[in-house]
Amino acid sequence: MNILGIANNDYSGACLIIDGEIISAASEERFTRIKAHNSFPNNAIAFVLKEANISLDIVDKIAYSWASDFSKDKHLELYFERIVETCLSSPKDIPILRKRLKDEIINDAEKQKEFNQFLVDNNVTEKAIYIDHHESHANAAFLCSPFDDGITVSCDGRGDFQSFTLSKFLNNTFTVLQRETTFDSLGYFYGRITALLGFKPNRHEGKITGLAAHGNPTKLLKKMKKLIDVDKNFRIRAKFHDGYLPSYENNYEKLKELFLNDKPEDIAAAAQRHIENILITIIQQYISKENPQNLCLAGGVFGNVKLNQRLRELDGVKNIYVLPAMGDDGLPLCSAICCLFKFTGKRIKIPSMKIGPKMSESEDILKLISGKYNYKIMNKNDVIYKSIKALKLNKVIGLAKGRMEFGPRALCNRSIICRAKDATINTWLNERMNRTEFMPFAPIVADIFAKDCFYGWDNDHIASHFMTMTYDCTDYFKNYCPAVTHIDGTARPQIVTNQSDPFTYKLLIEWNKESNEPALINTSFNIHEEPIICTAENALNNLDKGVVDLLIFNENLIVWKDDFDMGFLYE
């Protein structure tokens, strides 16, 4: 079965599955070079079809992760009870609920129409499969996990009249155990705090997570409880009159008043602690020491790496898997994965995220650089040797090799790497990339060093391979790798195995022999508000801007501009 997954709402992209195998997936932003571009994914669709050398006519199903349907089975009772509750307790808030419902319908109508027009224009209407937004997130998280059973949670701003679902997979069936309305959205809660602190909601929440480590998490907790909390029945309940609204738009006056004269870092810390506490309280109703469960997570809220650590450490959680493309940028993959399971019963466990466009062959890249740059072609071992010399000199290396990663994390195919010893790098490298970050850079660590670096890490922690959660660091790691250790003593690692990336794995092993340092910095290869690089041209453009000092293409080609400090490359 050939399945094409498409998304065109908050994020845009496409994924193709053929006979139970992911052929390719990519976000539209990587082609248009517009961050979070949500135009219809014509470039992404063309790419995935070309990768398989098929036309749209050969596709059997076209999966879409927005049902855009108010379901009497899923939503009617849920919304009826919530509206009645508000009528009885706070009738003045009814206009807020009415606006949220109206927005929910209107917001998706244009994008739904765009998708439907694509179906009509290509005469493929009968191939469309509409999948509930939150069940797409949650079910795909489980279907991609290594587990045979478990609980799966989806949590984000909103989608198909929900902001949260918790499901159980048993006997080959998903059963939803709890749903929450978009009135009571943890995604909107955290997003509004993001906006309050001067950042872009639904984009820069990671900055709030980083800032939180600098503040007092308990000082303003009572104020956070005024916005949203868990009630006695373990349901999420928002309190609209105190500054929370189920929207990212405007109306921040009450929120500003509530936190007047409070420090930004304390606001961030309290918001982080509060969202952790809420989700822990809910999830603990479904797990216990006597009945431990695997936990699978997806939806934009689970881009929060500190939250994911707290959930992993809960008594009653056996193991955790966070879908690497956890946000709406992952929906093309999610919808295709769910469609595959629906019609064939097949799963794709622990899929690679290196499923995007291939880097150009080095011979073709030479045509781009001839006469403009210095370069050397050499075998992989020599490239690793030269890379270690560059790292010892604190050079910044851009990696551009293999297939581009799908999702928000660069996993060493489109990454910037450098030494993790210099604690000041958080300032000067971010300045190079025009970024303002509170989180330190993330480390890449070979699996054989991981237990020496991170408390509680184990070989079956597959989520750590995708940089989706933090760990408490050992003193050894803090001492040798301060540039990737956060102020709270945690780090967000990507654990590299020889099987997943032989080149990077060997580089880490050899680097450790040379420096006794168990990690290197890995940050995505892009400047602020630009997508991660896709092509050789994108990489060279960053070399021109001075973002990196040298480029490694395809593990065999090193490129750099004229610089007397690069004499070691001629040795």
Protein backbone atom coordinates (compact mmCIF):
# COMPACT_ATOMS: atom_id res chain seq x y z
CA MET A 1 0.00 0.00 0.00
CA ASN A 2 1.26 3.47 -0.96
CA ILE A 3 0.31 6.13 1.60
CA LEU A 4 0.89 9.85 1.26
CA GLY A 5 0.62 11.89 4.48
CA ILE A 6 -0.04 15.61 4.10
CA ALA A 7 -0.20 18.54 6.52
CA ASN A 8 -0.89 22.18 5.68
CA ASN A 9 -2.14 23.76 8.89
CA ASP A 10 0.25 25.23 11.49
CA TYR A 11 3.08 23.44 9.67
CA SER A 12 3.20 22.05 6.17
CA GLY A 13 4.84 18.92 4.82
CA ALA A 14 4.53 15.46 3.30
CA CYS A 15 5.49 11.86 4.04
CA LEU A 16 5.38 8.77 1.84
CA ILE A 17 5.08 5.17 3.04
CA ILE A 18 5.32 2.30 0.57
CA ASP A 19 4.67 -1.32 1.59
CA GLY A 20 5.17 -0.55 5.26
CA GLU A 21 8.42 1.41 4.84
CA ILE A 22 8.92 5.17 5.20
CA ILE A 23 10.41 6.30 1.91
CA SER A 24 10.79 9.97 2.76
CA ALA A 25 9.34 12.94 4.62
CA ALA A 26 10.03 16.66 4.65
CA SER A 27 8.58 19.97 5.79
CA GLU A 28 7.76 22.63 3.22
CA GLU A 29 9.91 25.17 5.09
CA ARG A 30 13.07 23.30 4.10
CA PHE A 31 12.36 24.05 0.44
CA THR A 32 10.87 27.55 0.65
CA ARG A 33 13.35 28.64 3.37
CA ILE A 34 10.53 30.32 5.33
CA LYS A 35 10.46 29.18 8.95
CA ALA A 36 7.31 27.21 9.88
CA HIS A 37 5.88 27.82 6.42
CA ASN A 38 2.31 26.55 6.21
CA SER A 39 1.65 27.08 2.52
CA PHE A 40 0.35 24.00 0.75
CA PRO A 41 3.27 21.52 0.62
CA ASN A 42 3.67 21.30 -3.14
CA ASN A 43 7.47 21.09 -2.89
CA ALA A 44 7.37 18.45 -0.17
CA ILE A 45 4.82 16.35 -2.06
CA ALA A 46 6.87 16.57 -5.25
CA PHE A 47 9.98 15.53 -3.32
CA VAL A 48 8.53 12.44 -1.64
CA LEU A 49 6.91 11.22 -4.87
CA LYS A 50 10.15 11.75 -6.79
CA GLU A 51 12.10 9.80 -4.16
CA ALA A 52 9.90 6.79 -4.88
CA ASN A 53 9.72 7.50 -8.60
CA ILE A 54 5.94 7.35 -8.56
CA SER A 55 3.11 9.68 -9.47
CA LEU A 56 0.12 10.69 -7.39
CA ASP A 57 -1.96 8.24 -9.42
CA ILE A 58 -0.08 5.34 -7.83
CA VAL A 59 -0.86 6.50 -4.28
CA ASP A 60 -3.56 4.39 -2.60
CA LYS A 61 -4.40 6.58 0.41
CA ILE A 62 -3.88 10.26 1.22
CA ALA A 63 -3.87 10.76 4.99
CA TYR A 64 -4.66 14.09 6.67
CA SER A 65 -4.37 14.73 10.41
CA TRP A 66 -7.22 17.20 10.75
CA ALA A 67 -10.65 15.63 10.76
CA SER A 68 -12.15 19.13 11.29
CA ASP A 69 -15.29 17.46 12.51
CA PHE A 70 -17.24 17.97 15.73
CA SER A 71 -18.00 14.36 16.58
CA LYS A 72 -21.03 13.44 18.63
CA ASP A 73 -19.16 10.41 19.94
CA LYS A 74 -15.95 12.18 20.94
CA HIS A 75 -16.94 15.74 21.65
CA LEU A 76 -20.65 16.24 22.33
CA GLU A 77 -20.80 15.01 25.91
CA LEU A 78 -17.35 16.45 26.68
CA TYR A 79 -18.37 19.94 25.57
CA PHE A 80 -21.90 19.75 26.95
CA GLU A 81 -20.62 19.00 30.44
CA ARG A 82 -17.93 21.68 30.27
CA ILE A 83 -20.34 24.37 29.06
CA VAL A 84 -22.95 23.47 31.69
CA GLU A 85 -20.25 23.60 34.35
CA THR A 86 -19.28 27.12 33.23
CA CYS A 87 -22.92 28.24 33.10
CA LEU A 88 -23.36 27.19 36.72
CA SER A 89 -20.04 28.42 38.13
CA SER A 90 -19.07 31.42 36.00
CA PRO A 91 -21.72 32.44 33.43
CA LYS A 92 -19.82 35.61 32.51
CA ASP A 93 -17.22 33.38 30.85
CA ILE A 94 -19.67 31.94 28.32
CA PRO A 95 -18.64 34.46 25.58
CA ILE A 96 -15.07 33.15 25.85
CA LEU A 97 -16.26 29.59 25.27
CA ARG A 98 -18.45 30.69 22.37
CA LYS A 99 -15.52 32.50 20.72
CA ARG A 100 -13.22 29.50 21.18
CA LEU A 101 -15.74 27.18 19.51
CA LYS A 102 -16.28 29.63 16.67
CA ASP A 103 -12.52 30.05 16.20
CA GLU A 104 -12.06 26.29 16.21
CA ILE A 105 -14.41 25.99 13.26
CA ILE A 106 -13.19 29.03 11.35
CA ASN A 107 -9.45 28.53 11.88
CA ASP A 108 -9.32 25.20 10.07
CA ALA A 109 -11.86 25.93 7.32
CA GLU A 110 -9.45 27.62 4.94
CA LYS A 111 -6.77 24.95 5.28
CA GLN A 112 -9.34 22.17 4.97
CA LYS A 113 -10.65 23.83 1.81
CA GLU A 114 -7.10 24.05 0.44
CA PHE A 115 -6.55 20.34 1.03
CA ASN A 116 -9.91 19.40 -0.47
CA GLN A 117 -9.17 21.52 -3.53
CA PHE A 118 -5.90 19.63 -3.98
CA LEU A 119 -7.90 16.39 -3.96
CA VAL A 120 -10.36 17.70 -6.55
CA ASP A 121 -7.67 19.18 -8.79
CA ASN A 122 -5.84 15.86 -8.89
CA ASN A 123 -8.96 13.69 -9.08
CA VAL A 124 -8.04 11.77 -5.91
CA THR A 125 -10.93 12.70 -3.60
CA GLU A 126 -11.84 9.09 -2.92
CA LYS A 127 -8.34 8.39 -1.60
CA ALA A 128 -8.55 10.86 1.31
CA ILE A 129 -8.48 9.56 4.88
CA TYR A 130 -9.21 12.12 7.62
CA ILE A 131 -7.66 11.28 10.99
CA ASP A 132 -8.46 12.92 14.32
CA HIS A 133 -5.68 15.40 15.11
CA HIS A 134 -4.92 14.26 18.66
CA GLU A 135 -5.33 10.58 17.95
CA SER A 136 -2.93 11.06 15.05
CA HIS A 137 -0.29 12.47 17.43
CA ALA A 138 -0.92 9.96 20.20
CA ASN A 139 -1.42 6.80 18.17
CA ALA A 140 1.62 7.50 16.01
CA ALA A 141 3.73 7.95 19.15
CA PHE A 142 2.82 4.44 20.23
CA LEU A 143 3.00 2.88 16.77
CA CYS A 144 6.54 4.22 16.33
CA SER A 145 7.64 3.22 19.83
CA PRO A 146 9.52 -0.01 20.63
CA PHE A 147 6.78 -1.07 23.08
CA ASP A 148 4.10 -3.73 22.73
CA ASP A 149 1.72 -2.03 25.17
CA GLY A 150 1.45 1.22 27.05
CA ILE A 151 -0.24 4.55 27.59
CA THR A 152 -0.02 7.30 24.99
CA VAL A 153 -0.61 10.99 25.63
CA SER A 154 -1.13 13.87 23.22
CA CYS A 155 -1.03 17.46 24.45
CA ASP A 156 -0.81 20.73 22.51
CA GLY A 157 -2.60 24.01 21.93
CA ARG A 158 -5.57 22.59 20.10
CA GLY A 159 -6.69 20.33 17.29
CA ASP A 160 -10.06 18.91 16.29
CA PHE A 161 -11.78 20.35 19.38
CA GLN A 162 -9.31 18.83 21.84
CA SER A 163 -6.12 19.89 23.59
CA PHE A 164 -5.31 16.63 25.39
CA THR A 165 -5.98 12.93 25.05
CA LEU A 166 -4.75 9.97 27.08
CA SER A 167 -5.17 6.51 25.56
CA LYS A 168 -4.35 2.91 26.33
CA PHE A 169 -3.18 0.41 23.73
CA LEU A 170 -4.30 -3.12 24.50
CA ASN A 171 -5.32 -6.08 22.35
CA ASN A 172 -4.32 -4.21 19.21
CA THR A 173 -6.77 -1.39 19.94
CA PHE A 174 -6.50 2.21 21.15
CA THR A 175 -8.99 3.26 23.83
CA VAL A 176 -9.20 6.94 24.80
CA LEU A 177 -9.42 7.20 28.61
CA GLN A 178 -9.46 10.98 28.95
CA ARG A 179 -10.05 13.94 26.66
CA GLU A 180 -9.91 17.67 27.36
CA THR A 181 -11.47 20.55 25.46
CA THR A 182 -9.60 23.36 23.77
CA PHE A 183 -11.08 25.61 26.45
CA ASP A 184 -8.67 23.96 28.90
CA SER A 185 -5.45 23.91 26.93
CA LEU A 186 -2.02 23.47 28.51
CA GLY A 187 -0.53 24.43 25.16
CA TYR A 188 -2.30 27.78 25.24
CA PHE A 189 -1.31 28.24 28.90
CA TYR A 190 2.40 27.78 28.19
CA GLY A 191 2.16 29.70 24.91
CA ARG A 192 0.60 32.70 26.60
CA ILE A 193 3.39 32.75 29.19
CA THR A 194 5.81 32.63 26.23
CA ALA A 195 4.13 35.68 24.71
CA LEU A 196 3.96 37.48 28.07
CA LEU A 197 7.75 37.19 28.35
CA GLY A 198 8.28 38.72 24.93
CA PHE A 199 8.66 35.67 22.71
CA LYS A 200 6.58 34.19 19.93
CA PRO A 201 3.96 31.69 21.13
CA ASN A 202 3.78 28.35 19.34
CA ARG A 203 7.42 28.88 18.34
CA HIS A 204 9.69 29.89 21.22
CA GLU A 205 8.41 27.82 24.14
CA GLY A 206 11.82 26.17 24.40
CA LYS A 207 13.29 29.51 25.47
CA ILE A 208 10.89 29.58 28.42
CA THR A 209 11.99 26.08 29.43
CA GLY A 210 15.60 27.28 29.38
CA LEU A 211 14.85 30.50 31.23
CA ALA A 212 12.98 28.52 33.92
CA ALA A 213 16.22 27.03 35.25
CA HIS A 214 17.31 30.52 36.32
CA GLY A 215 14.22 31.19 38.48
CA ASN A 216 12.38 30.09 41.61
CA PRO A 217 9.76 27.49 40.61
CA THR A 218 7.61 27.84 43.74
CA LYS A 219 7.48 31.59 44.30
CA LEU A 220 4.70 32.25 41.75
CA LEU A 221 3.06 28.83 41.70
CA LYS A 222 -0.12 30.13 43.35
CA LYS A 223 -0.50 32.65 40.55
CA MET A 224 -0.14 29.91 37.94
CA LYS A 225 -2.91 27.97 39.67
CA LYS A 226 -5.17 30.97 39.11
CA LEU A 227 -4.84 30.43 35.37
CA ILE A 228 -5.31 26.69 34.94
CA ASP A 229 -5.17 23.64 37.20
CA VAL A 230 -6.41 20.10 37.84
CA ASP A 231 -9.72 19.75 39.68
CA LYS A 232 -10.72 17.10 42.24
CA ASN A 233 -11.77 14.76 39.42
CA PHE A 234 -8.31 15.07 37.79
CA ARG A 235 -9.67 17.12 34.89
CA ILE A 236 -7.81 20.12 33.48
CA ARG A 237 -9.78 23.29 34.18
CA ALA A 238 -8.93 26.81 33.00
CA LYS A 239 -9.95 29.95 34.89
CA PHE A 240 -10.60 32.49 32.20
CA HIS A 241 -11.12 35.57 34.37
CA ASP A 242 -7.60 35.56 35.85
CA GLY A 243 -5.66 36.02 32.61
CA TYR A 244 -5.82 32.68 30.85
CA LEU A 245 -7.55 32.54 27.46
CA PRO A 246 -7.73 29.61 25.01
CA SER A 247 -5.86 31.62 22.38
CA TYR A 248 -2.44 33.08 21.66
CA GLU A 249 -3.98 36.31 20.42
CA ASN A 250 -4.03 39.65 22.28
CA ASN A 251 -5.87 40.28 25.57
CA TYR A 252 -2.78 40.03 27.77
CA GLU A 253 -3.77 42.90 30.09
CA LYS A 254 -4.92 40.68 32.98
CA LEU A 255 -1.92 38.42 32.58
CA LYS A 256 0.45 41.39 32.72
CA GLU A 257 -1.38 42.72 35.77
CA LEU A 258 -1.17 39.34 37.52
CA PHE A 259 2.61 39.17 37.09
CA LEU A 260 3.38 42.87 37.45
CA ASN A 261 6.90 43.39 38.89
CA ASP A 262 7.62 39.65 38.92
CA LYS A 263 10.95 38.53 37.47
CA PRO A 264 10.79 36.84 34.04
CA GLU A 265 12.86 33.90 35.24
CA ASP A 266 10.50 33.32 38.19
CA ILE A 267 7.48 33.46 35.88
CA ALA A 268 9.11 30.94 33.55
CA ALA A 269 10.13 28.67 36.42
CA ALA A 270 6.64 28.64 37.91
CA ALA A 271 4.99 27.98 34.54
CA GLN A 272 7.39 25.09 33.92
CA ARG A 273 6.82 23.56 37.35
CA HIS A 274 3.04 24.00 37.04
CA ILE A 275 2.70 22.26 33.68
CA GLU A 276 4.88 19.43 35.01
CA ASN A 277 2.73 19.08 38.12
CA ILE A 278 -0.53 19.07 36.16
CA LEU A 279 0.53 16.35 33.75
CA ILE A 280 2.14 14.27 36.49
CA THR A 281 -1.07 14.44 38.54
CA ILE A 282 -3.18 13.26 35.60
CA ILE A 283 -0.84 10.52 34.39
CA GLN A 284 -0.40 9.12 37.90
CA GLN A 285 -4.08 8.14 37.86
CA TYR A 286 -3.25 5.55 35.20
CA ILE A 287 0.07 4.15 36.45
CA SER A 288 1.49 2.73 39.68
CA LYS A 289 4.47 0.80 41.02
CA GLU A 290 2.26 -2.30 40.99
CA ASN A 291 1.05 -1.60 37.45
CA PRO A 292 3.97 0.06 35.62
CA GLN A 293 3.36 1.35 32.11
CA ASN A 294 5.35 2.41 29.07
CA LEU A 295 4.61 6.02 28.20
CA CYS A 296 4.42 7.40 24.65
CA LEU A 297 4.20 11.16 24.11
CA ALA A 298 3.41 13.47 21.20
CA GLY A 299 1.99 16.93 20.57
CA GLY A 300 3.79 20.24 20.84
CA VAL A 301 3.78 20.34 24.67
CA PHE A 302 6.14 17.35 24.67
CA GLY A 303 8.78 19.39 22.91
CA ASN A 304 9.41 20.38 26.55
CA VAL A 305 12.47 18.31 27.41
CA LYS A 306 12.39 19.04 31.15
CA LEU A 307 8.77 17.91 31.38
CA ASN A 308 9.68 14.69 29.60
CA GLN A 309 12.41 14.01 32.15
CA ARG A 310 9.97 14.47 35.03
CA LEU A 311 7.56 12.01 33.44
CA ARG A 312 10.32 9.46 32.77
CA GLU A 313 11.32 9.58 36.43
CA LEU A 314 7.82 8.85 37.74
CA ASP A 315 7.28 5.69 39.77
CA GLY A 316 5.22 3.41 37.56
CA VAL A 317 6.79 4.50 34.25
CA LYS A 318 8.77 1.61 32.77
CA ASN A 319 10.16 3.50 29.79
CA ILE A 320 9.30 6.48 27.68
CA TYR A 321 9.21 7.25 23.97
CA VAL A 322 8.70 10.77 22.66
CA LEU A 323 7.83 10.91 18.97
CA PRO A 324 10.89 12.77 17.60
CA ALA A 325 8.69 14.96 15.37
CA MET A 326 6.32 15.57 18.26
CA GLY A 327 4.68 18.80 17.09
CA ASP A 328 2.44 19.61 14.17
CA ASP A 329 5.47 19.50 11.88
CA GLY A 330 5.31 15.73 12.45
CA LEU A 331 1.70 15.36 11.28
CA PRO A 332 2.51 14.12 7.75
CA LEU A 333 4.39 11.22 9.33
CA CYS A 334 1.73 10.72 12.03
CA SER A 335 -1.15 10.56 9.58
CA ALA A 336 0.65 8.14 7.27
CA ILE A 337 1.68 5.90 10.19
CA CYS A 338 -1.89 5.82 11.54
CA CYS A 339 -3.32 5.14 8.08
CA LEU A 340 -0.91 2.23 7.63
CA PHE A 341 -2.04 0.70 10.93
CA LYS A 342 -5.72 1.31 10.18
CA PHE A 343 -5.67 -0.56 6.88
CA THR A 344 -2.91 -3.14 7.35
CA GLY A 345 -2.32 -3.48 11.10
CA LYS A 346 1.39 -2.84 10.48
CA ARG A 347 3.68 -0.71 12.65
CA ILE A 348 6.99 1.00 11.90
CA LYS A 349 8.91 0.78 15.16
CA ILE A 350 11.55 3.41 15.96
CA PRO A 351 11.74 4.98 12.51
CA SER A 352 14.81 6.97 11.58
CA MET A 353 14.24 10.70 11.27
CA LYS A 354 16.93 10.92 8.58
CA ILE A 355 14.36 10.61 5.81
CA GLY A 356 14.59 13.97 4.02
CA PRO A 357 16.42 15.12 0.87
CA LYS A 358 19.90 13.71 0.30
CA MET A 359 22.92 15.99 0.30
CA SER A 360 24.37 16.44 -3.18
CA GLU A 361 27.24 14.17 -4.15
CA SER A 362 30.65 15.66 -3.40
CA GLU A 363 31.54 15.67 -7.09
CA ASP A 364 28.56 17.92 -7.77
CA ILE A 365 29.40 20.17 -4.80
CA LEU A 366 32.88 20.71 -6.26
CA LYS A 367 31.23 22.39 -9.25
CA LEU A 368 29.66 24.91 -6.86
CA ILE A 369 32.84 25.71 -4.95
CA SER A 370 35.51 25.67 -7.66
CA GLY A 371 37.48 28.90 -7.47
CA LYS A 372 35.45 30.26 -4.56
CA TYR A 373 36.63 28.22 -1.60
CA ASN A 374 39.46 26.04 -0.41
CA TYR A 375 38.69 22.36 -0.24
CA LYS A 376 40.12 18.91 0.24
CA ILE A 377 38.73 15.48 -0.58
CA MET A 378 39.98 12.67 1.64
CA ASN A 379 38.85 9.40 3.16
CA LYS A 380 36.59 9.32 6.22
CA ASN A 381 39.35 8.50 8.67
CA ASP A 382 41.37 11.50 7.53
CA VAL A 383 38.28 13.72 7.74
CA ILE A 384 37.84 12.61 11.36
CA TYR A 385 41.54 13.28 12.06
CA LYS A 386 41.31 16.80 10.58
CA SER A 387 38.03 17.43 12.42
CA ILE A 388 39.67 16.64 15.76
CA LYS A 389 42.47 19.12 14.98
CA ALA A 390 39.84 21.75 14.14
CA LEU A 391 37.88 21.04 17.33
CA LYS A 392 41.01 21.39 19.47
CA LEU A 393 41.39 24.89 17.98
CA ASN A 394 37.76 25.69 18.87
CA LYS A 395 36.72 25.76 15.23
CA VAL A 396 33.02 25.51 14.44
CA ILE A 397 32.18 22.73 11.98
CA GLY A 398 29.09 22.43 9.83
CA LEU A 399 28.00 18.86 9.02
CA ALA A 400 26.09 18.40 5.77
CA LYS A 401 25.82 14.73 4.94
CA GLY A 402 23.34 12.00 4.08
CA ARG A 403 19.62 12.61 4.32
CA MET A 404 18.20 15.66 6.05
CA GLU A 405 16.41 15.06 9.33
CA PHE A 406 12.63 15.26 9.57
CA GLY A 407 11.30 17.11 12.59
CA PRO A 408 12.72 19.85 14.82
CA ARG A 409 16.03 18.25 15.80
CA ALA A 410 19.22 18.12 13.78
CA LEU A 411 20.81 14.74 14.44
CA CYS A 412 24.28 15.22 12.92
CA ASN A 413 23.32 15.19 9.25
CA ARG A 414 22.51 18.92 9.24
CA SER A 415 24.26 19.99 12.44
CA ILE A 416 26.81 22.44 13.74
CA ILE A 417 29.33 20.77 16.04
CA CYS A 418 32.15 22.11 18.19
CA ARG A 419 33.97 21.56 21.45
CA ALA A 420 31.90 21.46 24.67
CA LYS A 421 34.66 22.62 27.04
CA ASP A 422 34.28 26.40 26.61
CA ALA A 423 31.46 27.61 28.85
CA THR A 424 31.43 31.01 27.10
CA ILE A 425 30.39 29.44 23.81
CA ASN A 426 26.72 29.88 24.67
CA THR A 427 27.28 33.59 24.15
CA TRP A 428 29.62 33.82 21.20
CA LEU A 429 28.25 30.98 19.06
CA ASN A 430 24.69 32.19 19.57
CA GLU A 431 25.83 35.63 18.45
CA ARG A 432 27.20 34.09 15.27
CA MET A 433 23.82 32.52 14.60
CA ASN A 434 21.86 35.61 15.66
CA ARG A 435 20.14 33.55 18.36
CA THR A 436 19.06 34.56 21.86
CA GLU A 437 18.95 31.35 23.85
CA PHE A 438 18.66 30.49 27.53
CA MET A 439 19.17 26.78 27.01
CA PRO A 440 22.76 25.63 26.56
CA PHE A 441 23.63 23.73 23.46
CA ALA A 442 22.89 20.02 23.43
CA PRO A 443 25.58 17.32 23.60
CA ILE A 444 26.19 14.37 21.32
CA VAL A 445 27.56 11.41 23.26
CA ALA A 446 28.55 7.92 22.15
CA ASP A 447 26.48 5.25 23.84
CA ILE A 448 29.51 3.69 25.51
CA PHE A 449 30.06 6.92 27.49
CA ALA A 450 26.43 7.67 28.33
CA LYS A 451 26.22 5.93 31.71
CA ASP A 452 29.29 7.84 32.88
CA CYS A 453 27.63 11.11 31.85
CA PHE A 454 23.95 10.89 32.80
CA TYR A 455 22.29 9.59 35.94
CA GLY A 456 19.64 6.97 35.24
CA TRP A 457 20.46 6.53 31.56
CA ASP A 458 20.09 2.99 30.24
CA ASN A 459 20.64 1.26 26.91
CA ASP A 460 16.91 0.92 26.25
CA HIS A 461 16.28 4.69 26.55
CA ILE A 462 15.59 5.04 22.86
CA ALA A 463 14.10 8.54 23.38
CA SER A 464 17.61 9.78 24.23
CA HIS A 465 18.70 9.03 20.65
CA PHE A 466 16.51 11.87 19.40
CA MET A 467 17.34 14.68 21.86
CA THR A 468 13.83 14.70 23.34
CA MET A 469 14.53 14.86 27.09
CA THR A 470 17.00 16.01 29.71
CA TYR A 471 19.05 13.99 32.19
CA ASP A 472 20.82 14.97 35.38
CA CYS A 473 24.54 15.14 34.64
CA THR A 474 27.36 13.48 36.57
CA ASP A 475 30.19 15.55 38.03
CA TYR A 476 32.51 14.05 35.42
CA PHE A 477 30.32 15.35 32.60
CA LYS A 478 29.82 18.77 34.20
CA ASN A 479 33.57 19.16 34.61
CA TYR A 480 34.55 18.21 31.07
CA CYS A 481 31.53 19.53 29.16
CA PRO A 482 30.28 22.75 30.85
CA ALA A 483 29.11 24.24 27.54
CA VAL A 484 26.35 21.64 27.29
CA THR A 485 25.41 21.51 30.98
CA HIS A 486 22.53 23.72 31.98
CA ILE A 487 22.51 25.84 35.12
CA ASP A 488 20.28 23.24 36.82
CA GLY A 489 22.81 20.46 36.17
CA THR A 490 20.93 18.82 33.30
CA ALA A 491 21.67 18.24 29.63
CA ARG A 492 19.59 17.26 26.61
CA PRO A 493 21.72 14.61 24.90
CA GLN A 494 21.62 12.86 21.59
CA ILE A 495 23.05 9.42 22.24
CA VAL A 496 24.85 8.16 19.13
CA THR A 497 25.39 4.49 18.33
CA ASN A 498 27.71 2.94 15.79
CA GLN A 499 24.67 1.60 14.00
CA SER A 500 22.84 4.93 13.81
CA ASP A 501 25.77 7.06 12.60
CA PRO A 502 29.16 5.34 12.19
CA PHE A 503 30.97 8.54 11.19
CA THR A 504 29.82 10.64 14.15
CA TYR A 505 30.27 7.68 16.50
CA LYS A 506 33.91 7.23 15.50
CA LEU A 507 34.49 10.98 15.71
CA LEU A 508 33.21 10.96 19.31
CA ILE A 509 35.36 7.95 20.23
CA GLU A 510 38.50 9.48 18.76
CA TRP A 511 37.72 12.88 20.25
CA ASN A 512 37.45 11.32 23.70
CA LYS A 513 40.83 9.64 23.26
CA GLU A 514 42.36 12.98 22.33
CA SER A 515 40.65 15.26 24.87
CA ASN A 516 39.11 13.04 27.57
CA GLU A 517 35.88 14.93 26.81
CA PRO A 518 32.89 12.61 26.31
CA ALA A 519 30.75 14.97 24.22
CA LEU A 520 30.64 17.55 21.48
CA ILE A 521 28.13 20.33 20.99
CA ASN A 522 25.38 19.63 18.46
CA THR A 523 23.08 22.45 17.42
CA SER A 524 20.91 22.69 14.34
CA PHE A 525 22.59 24.10 11.24
CA ASN A 526 20.66 27.35 10.81
CA ILE A 527 20.64 30.93 11.95
CA HIS A 528 17.79 32.39 13.99
CA GLU A 529 14.36 32.23 12.33
CA GLU A 530 15.62 30.26 9.34
CA PRO A 531 14.87 26.57 8.76
CA ILE A 532 17.59 23.97 9.16
CA ILE A 533 19.70 23.83 6.01
CA CYS A 534 18.64 21.46 3.26
CA THR A 535 21.10 21.84 0.37
CA ALA A 536 24.79 22.36 -0.22
CA GLU A 537 23.98 25.92 -1.29
CA ASN A 538 22.32 26.55 2.10
CA ALA A 539 25.44 25.24 3.86
CA LEU A 540 27.81 27.35 1.78
CA ASN A 541 25.71 30.42 2.46
CA ASN A 542 26.29 29.90 6.20
CA LEU A 543 30.02 29.52 5.58
CA ASP A 544 29.96 32.85 3.75
CA LYS A 545 28.19 34.48 6.71
CA GLY A 546 30.80 33.19 9.15
CA VAL A 547 28.35 30.99 11.03
CA VAL A 548 30.78 28.07 10.66
CA ASP A 549 34.53 27.96 10.07
CA LEU A 550 34.54 24.91 7.84
CA LEU A 551 32.12 22.48 6.25
CA ILE A 552 32.23 18.71 6.07
CA PHE A 553 30.21 17.36 3.17
CA ASN A 554 29.38 13.68 2.88
CA GLU A 555 32.14 12.62 5.29
CA ASN A 556 34.79 13.05 2.56
CA LEU A 557 34.91 16.72 1.54
CA ILE A 558 36.15 19.61 3.69
CA VAL A 559 35.47 23.17 2.52
CA TRP A 560 36.65 26.45 4.04
CA LYS A 561 37.29 30.07 3.12
CA ASP A 562 40.73 31.67 3.03
CA ASP A 563 41.94 31.72 6.60
CA PHE A 564 45.52 31.47 7.86
CA ASP A 565 44.22 29.62 10.94
CA MET A 566 43.38 26.63 8.76
CA GLY A 567 46.98 25.60 8.18
CA PHE A 568 46.36 22.27 9.89
CA LEU A 569 44.20 21.26 6.92
CA TYR A 570 47.29 21.31 4.67
CA GLU A 571 49.35 19.08 6.93
